[in-house]
Each structure stands twice: as structure tokens, then as C-alpha cells.
N, C-alpha and C. Protein backbone atom coordinates (compact mmCIF):
# COMPACT_ATOMS: atom_id res chain seq x y z
N MET A 1 -19.94 -2.68 -24.53
CA MET A 1 -18.85 -1.94 -23.90
C MET A 1 -17.78 -1.63 -24.93
N THR A 2 -17.20 -0.49 -24.77
CA THR A 2 -16.12 -0.12 -25.67
C THR A 2 -14.80 -0.53 -25.05
N ASN A 3 -13.75 -0.48 -25.86
CA ASN A 3 -12.41 -0.81 -25.35
C ASN A 3 -12.00 0.12 -24.21
N VAL A 4 -12.39 1.38 -24.30
CA VAL A 4 -12.04 2.34 -23.25
C VAL A 4 -12.64 1.90 -21.92
N ASN A 5 -13.89 1.50 -21.93
CA ASN A 5 -14.54 1.05 -20.70
C ASN A 5 -13.88 -0.21 -20.16
N LEU A 6 -13.52 -1.13 -21.02
CA LEU A 6 -12.87 -2.35 -20.57
C LEU A 6 -11.49 -2.05 -19.98
N GLU A 7 -10.77 -1.12 -20.56
CA GLU A 7 -9.47 -0.74 -20.02
C GLU A 7 -9.63 -0.12 -18.64
N HIS A 8 -10.65 0.69 -18.47
CA HIS A 8 -10.91 1.31 -17.17
C HIS A 8 -11.23 0.24 -16.12
N VAL A 9 -12.07 -0.70 -16.48
CA VAL A 9 -12.42 -1.79 -15.56
C VAL A 9 -11.18 -2.60 -15.20
N HIS A 10 -10.35 -2.88 -16.18
CA HIS A 10 -9.12 -3.64 -15.93
C HIS A 10 -8.23 -2.89 -14.93
N ARG A 11 -8.07 -1.59 -15.12
CA ARG A 11 -7.24 -0.79 -14.19
C ARG A 11 -7.81 -0.84 -12.77
N GLU A 12 -9.13 -0.78 -12.65
CA GLU A 12 -9.76 -0.85 -11.33
C GLU A 12 -9.50 -2.20 -10.67
N VAL A 13 -9.60 -3.27 -11.43
CA VAL A 13 -9.34 -4.62 -10.90
C VAL A 13 -7.89 -4.74 -10.45
N VAL A 14 -6.98 -4.23 -11.23
CA VAL A 14 -5.56 -4.26 -10.86
C VAL A 14 -5.33 -3.50 -9.56
N MET A 15 -5.95 -2.35 -9.41
CA MET A 15 -5.79 -1.56 -8.19
C MET A 15 -6.35 -2.29 -6.98
N ILE A 16 -7.48 -2.94 -7.13
CA ILE A 16 -8.07 -3.70 -6.02
C ILE A 16 -7.14 -4.85 -5.63
N LYS A 17 -6.58 -5.54 -6.61
CA LYS A 17 -5.64 -6.63 -6.32
C LYS A 17 -4.43 -6.11 -5.57
N GLN A 18 -3.94 -4.93 -5.94
CA GLN A 18 -2.80 -4.33 -5.25
C GLN A 18 -3.15 -4.04 -3.80
N ASP A 19 -4.35 -3.50 -3.56
CA ASP A 19 -4.78 -3.22 -2.20
C ASP A 19 -4.85 -4.49 -1.37
N VAL A 20 -5.39 -5.55 -1.94
CA VAL A 20 -5.49 -6.82 -1.22
C VAL A 20 -4.11 -7.36 -0.89
N GLU A 21 -3.18 -7.32 -1.82
CA GLU A 21 -1.82 -7.80 -1.57
C GLU A 21 -1.15 -6.99 -0.47
N LEU A 22 -1.35 -5.69 -0.50
CA LEU A 22 -0.78 -4.83 0.54
C LEU A 22 -1.33 -5.22 1.90
N ILE A 23 -2.62 -5.39 2.00
CA ILE A 23 -3.25 -5.76 3.27
C ILE A 23 -2.75 -7.10 3.75
N LYS A 24 -2.63 -8.08 2.86
CA LYS A 24 -2.17 -9.40 3.26
C LYS A 24 -0.74 -9.39 3.80
N ASN A 25 0.07 -8.43 3.33
CA ASN A 25 1.45 -8.35 3.77
C ASN A 25 1.62 -7.62 5.10
N ILE A 26 0.63 -6.86 5.53
CA ILE A 26 0.83 -6.07 6.74
C ILE A 26 -0.11 -6.41 7.88
N LEU A 27 -1.17 -7.16 7.63
CA LEU A 27 -2.10 -7.49 8.69
C LEU A 27 -2.14 -8.98 8.97
N SER A 28 -2.28 -9.32 10.25
CA SER A 28 -2.47 -10.72 10.63
C SER A 28 -3.91 -11.10 10.35
N GLU A 29 -4.23 -12.36 10.57
CA GLU A 29 -5.61 -12.81 10.36
C GLU A 29 -6.57 -12.13 11.32
N GLU A 30 -6.05 -11.68 12.46
CA GLU A 30 -6.89 -11.00 13.46
C GLU A 30 -7.07 -9.52 13.14
N GLY A 31 -6.43 -9.04 12.08
CA GLY A 31 -6.55 -7.65 11.69
C GLY A 31 -5.56 -6.73 12.37
N LYS A 32 -4.59 -7.28 13.06
CA LYS A 32 -3.56 -6.48 13.73
C LYS A 32 -2.32 -6.40 12.84
N LEU A 33 -1.54 -5.35 13.06
CA LEU A 33 -0.27 -5.25 12.33
C LEU A 33 0.63 -6.41 12.71
N THR A 34 1.21 -7.05 11.72
CA THR A 34 2.16 -8.12 12.01
C THR A 34 3.45 -7.50 12.56
N GLU A 35 4.18 -8.28 13.32
CA GLU A 35 5.45 -7.79 13.87
C GLU A 35 6.42 -7.44 12.73
N GLU A 36 6.39 -8.24 11.69
CA GLU A 36 7.25 -7.98 10.53
C GLU A 36 6.88 -6.64 9.88
N ALA A 37 5.59 -6.36 9.77
CA ALA A 37 5.15 -5.10 9.18
C ALA A 37 5.58 -3.92 10.06
N LYS A 38 5.43 -4.06 11.38
CA LYS A 38 5.86 -2.99 12.28
C LYS A 38 7.35 -2.70 12.11
N LYS A 39 8.13 -3.77 12.02
CA LYS A 39 9.58 -3.62 11.86
C LYS A 39 9.90 -2.90 10.54
N LYS A 40 9.25 -3.33 9.47
CA LYS A 40 9.49 -2.72 8.17
C LYS A 40 9.05 -1.26 8.15
N LEU A 41 7.94 -0.96 8.79
CA LEU A 41 7.46 0.42 8.81
C LEU A 41 8.45 1.33 9.52
N VAL A 42 8.93 0.90 10.68
CA VAL A 42 9.87 1.72 11.43
C VAL A 42 11.16 1.92 10.66
N GLU A 43 11.62 0.88 9.97
CA GLU A 43 12.85 0.98 9.18
C GLU A 43 12.71 1.94 8.01
N HIS A 44 11.51 2.16 7.56
CA HIS A 44 11.30 2.94 6.33
C HIS A 44 10.51 4.22 6.59
N PHE A 45 10.74 4.85 7.73
CA PHE A 45 10.09 6.13 7.99
C PHE A 45 10.77 7.20 7.14
N GLU A 46 9.98 7.97 6.41
CA GLU A 46 10.53 8.95 5.46
C GLU A 46 10.24 10.39 5.87
N GLY A 47 10.02 10.65 7.15
CA GLY A 47 9.77 12.02 7.60
C GLY A 47 8.30 12.33 7.79
N ASP A 48 7.54 12.35 6.71
CA ASP A 48 6.10 12.64 6.81
C ASP A 48 5.24 11.39 6.69
N TYR A 49 5.82 10.29 6.30
CA TYR A 49 5.04 9.08 6.04
C TYR A 49 5.95 7.86 6.19
N TYR A 50 5.31 6.70 6.27
CA TYR A 50 6.03 5.44 6.25
C TYR A 50 5.92 4.87 4.85
N LYS A 51 6.89 4.04 4.49
CA LYS A 51 6.94 3.47 3.15
C LYS A 51 6.85 1.95 3.27
N LEU A 52 5.96 1.35 2.50
CA LEU A 52 5.86 -0.11 2.42
C LEU A 52 6.14 -0.55 1.00
N ARG A 53 6.87 -1.66 0.87
CA ARG A 53 7.13 -2.24 -0.44
C ARG A 53 6.30 -3.50 -0.60
N VAL A 54 5.63 -3.59 -1.73
CA VAL A 54 4.86 -4.79 -2.08
C VAL A 54 5.19 -5.09 -3.53
N GLY A 55 6.14 -6.01 -3.73
CA GLY A 55 6.59 -6.32 -5.08
C GLY A 55 7.18 -5.09 -5.73
N ASP A 56 6.68 -4.75 -6.91
CA ASP A 56 7.15 -3.57 -7.63
C ASP A 56 6.38 -2.31 -7.23
N TYR A 57 5.51 -2.42 -6.24
CA TYR A 57 4.69 -1.29 -5.83
C TYR A 57 5.14 -0.75 -4.48
N ARG A 58 4.85 0.53 -4.26
CA ARG A 58 5.16 1.19 -3.01
C ARG A 58 3.91 1.86 -2.48
N ALA A 59 3.76 1.81 -1.17
CA ALA A 59 2.65 2.50 -0.51
C ALA A 59 3.25 3.49 0.47
N LEU A 60 2.76 4.71 0.44
CA LEU A 60 3.13 5.72 1.41
C LEU A 60 1.95 5.80 2.37
N VAL A 61 2.22 5.56 3.67
CA VAL A 61 1.13 5.38 4.63
C VAL A 61 1.35 6.18 5.91
N ASP A 62 0.25 6.49 6.58
CA ASP A 62 0.25 6.99 7.95
C ASP A 62 -0.10 5.80 8.84
N VAL A 63 0.47 5.74 10.05
CA VAL A 63 0.27 4.58 10.91
C VAL A 63 -0.09 5.01 12.33
N ASP A 64 -1.11 4.36 12.90
CA ASP A 64 -1.41 4.44 14.32
C ASP A 64 -1.09 3.07 14.89
N PHE A 65 0.10 2.93 15.49
CA PHE A 65 0.56 1.63 15.97
C PHE A 65 -0.30 1.08 17.10
N GLU A 66 -0.83 1.95 17.96
CA GLU A 66 -1.65 1.50 19.08
C GLU A 66 -2.93 0.85 18.62
N LYS A 67 -3.55 1.42 17.61
CA LYS A 67 -4.84 0.91 17.12
C LYS A 67 -4.69 -0.01 15.91
N SER A 68 -3.45 -0.21 15.46
CA SER A 68 -3.18 -1.02 14.26
C SER A 68 -3.94 -0.49 13.05
N ILE A 69 -3.89 0.81 12.88
CA ILE A 69 -4.55 1.44 11.74
C ILE A 69 -3.50 1.96 10.77
N ILE A 70 -3.67 1.61 9.51
CA ILE A 70 -2.80 2.10 8.45
C ILE A 70 -3.68 2.81 7.43
N LEU A 71 -3.36 4.06 7.18
CA LEU A 71 -4.08 4.82 6.18
C LEU A 71 -3.17 4.98 4.97
N VAL A 72 -3.54 4.34 3.88
CA VAL A 72 -2.73 4.40 2.66
C VAL A 72 -2.99 5.75 1.99
N GLN A 73 -1.92 6.54 1.88
CA GLN A 73 -2.02 7.85 1.24
C GLN A 73 -1.81 7.74 -0.27
N VAL A 74 -0.84 6.92 -0.67
CA VAL A 74 -0.51 6.75 -2.08
C VAL A 74 -0.10 5.30 -2.31
N LEU A 75 -0.59 4.71 -3.39
CA LEU A 75 -0.17 3.37 -3.80
C LEU A 75 0.09 3.44 -5.30
N ASP A 76 1.34 3.15 -5.70
CA ASP A 76 1.67 3.25 -7.11
C ASP A 76 2.92 2.41 -7.40
N HIS A 77 3.23 2.26 -8.67
CA HIS A 77 4.42 1.54 -9.09
C HIS A 77 5.66 2.28 -8.61
N ARG A 78 6.70 1.54 -8.29
CA ARG A 78 7.92 2.15 -7.72
C ARG A 78 8.55 3.18 -8.64
N ASN A 79 8.34 3.09 -9.95
CA ASN A 79 8.91 4.07 -10.88
C ASN A 79 8.19 5.42 -10.81
N ARG A 80 6.94 5.42 -10.30
CA ARG A 80 6.15 6.66 -10.30
C ARG A 80 5.91 7.24 -8.92
N ILE A 81 6.06 6.46 -7.87
CA ILE A 81 5.58 6.85 -6.55
C ILE A 81 6.22 8.13 -6.01
N TYR A 82 7.49 8.35 -6.26
CA TYR A 82 8.18 9.46 -5.63
C TYR A 82 8.24 10.72 -6.49
N LYS A 83 7.78 10.62 -7.73
CA LYS A 83 7.79 11.80 -8.60
C LYS A 83 6.79 12.83 -8.06
N GLY A 84 7.24 14.04 -7.95
CA GLY A 84 6.35 15.10 -7.47
C GLY A 84 6.27 15.19 -5.96
N ARG A 85 7.05 14.40 -5.23
CA ARG A 85 7.04 14.45 -3.77
C ARG A 85 8.21 15.23 -3.28
């Protein structure tokens, strides 16, 4: 493997870890939205999407509260997430 391939694999692993952390912060063990997550989502409605904070990262999401479905539209570092929006 070359360094380029290893860097790509590392980025993929980091992204997967970010996804897992996001899920752990918004879903209960039963797979339902936690009450805390619902509260945070409603507080951070930005017009076309909801905003979730996970450490230094931000997720812009669509939410179906009845079905407890969250569709992550964008997940990125807080310094980059809003550029171009």
C-alpha cells in the first residue's frame, strides 16, 4: 500500500467514527430519538434543516419525529460545514 491509500483509509475510519458518535448522541438503545436529541433538534432548526453538534463536528439533518428517522445530509468539521450554504 502506498501512503496515499493509507491516508484514504484513515479518512474513511475517521468518518465512520464520526457517524457512530453522532448516532450514540441522538438515539436511545431502542433506536428511538432521545428526548434530549429532540429538544436539541427543535432548538437548532435552521429553516431547511436541523443542526446537531457533536464535539467539533456539525451534522445538518432532516428529521421525521414520528418515525424517529434522521437523515444526515452533511457531516463535517464546524469550520467547514456552513461554507457554501
